[in-house]
Every structure is written in C-alpha cells, then in structure tokens.
Protein backbone atom coordinates (compact mmCIF):
# COMPACT_ATOMS: atom_id res chain seq x y z
CA MET A 1 0.00 0.00 0.00
CA ALA A 2 1.39 3.39 -0.97
CA ALA A 3 1.84 6.05 1.68
CA ARG A 4 -0.56 8.99 1.56
CA ASN A 5 2.18 11.51 2.34
CA PRO A 6 5.64 11.87 0.83
CA ARG A 7 8.42 10.25 2.81
CA LEU A 8 11.69 11.74 3.92
CA SER A 9 14.67 9.63 4.87
CA ILE A 10 17.52 11.25 6.77
CA VAL A 11 20.64 10.12 8.55
CA VAL A 12 21.35 11.70 11.94
CA GLU A 13 24.08 11.40 14.51
CA GLU A 14 23.48 8.91 17.31
CA ARG A 15 23.16 11.78 19.80
CA VAL A 16 20.39 13.45 17.76
CA TYR A 17 18.56 10.15 17.37
CA ARG A 18 18.68 9.51 21.12
CA LEU A 19 17.37 13.01 21.89
CA ILE A 20 14.44 12.61 19.50
CA GLU A 21 13.81 9.14 20.91
CA GLU A 22 13.71 10.53 24.46
CA LEU A 23 11.34 13.33 23.47
CA ALA A 24 9.07 10.86 21.68
CA SER A 25 9.03 8.59 24.71
CA ARG A 26 8.29 11.51 27.03
CA ASP A 27 5.38 12.61 24.80
CA ASN A 28 4.17 9.03 24.28
CA THR A 29 4.45 9.27 20.48
CA SER A 30 6.51 7.66 17.75
CA ILE A 31 9.98 8.83 16.80
CA SER A 32 8.69 9.62 13.31
CA LYS A 33 5.86 11.81 14.60
CA LYS A 34 8.19 13.60 17.01
CA ALA A 35 10.76 14.23 14.27
CA LEU A 36 7.99 15.62 12.05
CA ALA A 37 6.77 17.92 14.83
CA LEU A 38 10.31 19.18 15.42
CA LEU A 39 10.82 19.81 11.69
CA ILE A 40 7.56 21.74 11.45
CA GLU A 41 8.49 23.82 14.51
CA ALA A 42 11.91 24.60 13.03
CA LEU A 43 10.34 25.63 9.70
CA GLU A 44 7.87 27.91 11.47
CA LEU A 45 10.70 29.54 13.43
CA HIS A 46 12.67 29.99 10.22
CA GLU A 47 9.64 31.59 8.56
CA ASP A 48 9.13 33.91 11.56
CA LEU A 49 12.75 35.06 11.38
CA ALA A 50 12.50 35.70 7.64
CA LEU A 51 9.27 37.68 8.04
CA SER A 52 10.75 39.67 10.93
CA ALA A 53 13.76 40.59 8.81
CA LYS A 54 11.47 41.63 5.96
CA ALA A 55 9.34 43.73 8.33
CA ALA A 56 12.43 45.40 9.77
CA HIS A 57 13.63 46.24 6.27
CA ARG A 58 10.24 47.70 5.35
CA GLU A 59 10.18 49.70 8.57
CA LYS A 60 13.51 51.28 7.70
CA THR A 61 12.44 52.17 4.17
CA LEU A 62 9.01 53.46 5.27
CA LYS A 63 10.59 56.13 7.46
CA LYS A 64 11.70 57.84 4.27
CA SER A 65 8.22 57.85 2.74
CA LYS A 66 4.93 59.41 3.75
CA LEU A 67 2.92 57.32 6.20
CA VAL A 68 -0.87 57.09 6.22
CA ALA A 69 -2.79 56.75 9.47
CA HIS A 70 -4.60 53.45 9.93
CA GLN A 71 -8.03 55.09 10.14
CA ASP A 72 -7.35 56.98 6.92
CA ALA A 73 -6.34 53.83 5.10
CA TRP A 74 -9.62 52.13 5.93
C-alpha cells in the first residue's frame, strides 16, 4: 500500500537520534511523529525570522516615505 504523504529519509548522529527518541518517549508518540513535529516547529521559526527581517527592512524604508494613518487607510 502506498503512503498517503511523501516520505523523507535522513541520517542523523546517534546523539540526535537519542534526543528525539527521548522526546518521543516523554510525549508518548513515535519517533517519526516527534521528528515531524520538530521539523515543522523549526520551519515555522525559520519563517518567523524571515518575516521579521522583511518587516524590519520595510520599517527602515518606510521612514523615508509618507505614512498614512490606519483610520485613513480604511
């Protein structure tokens, strides 16, 4: 039977494997599900950092242009 979701196979250091294994055991879940949760969390953090950097850049460039009050924009 084919898997519904794409699969990802990675090789990790023994130390990383043991840490994920401990977290999975603590949370009473499988190693695969815990690794997926950690990957999703890391991707969300990465996205947050990228969006923060973009917002900071926009904030710097907006200071040079005319700003419109929120109530006026809507």
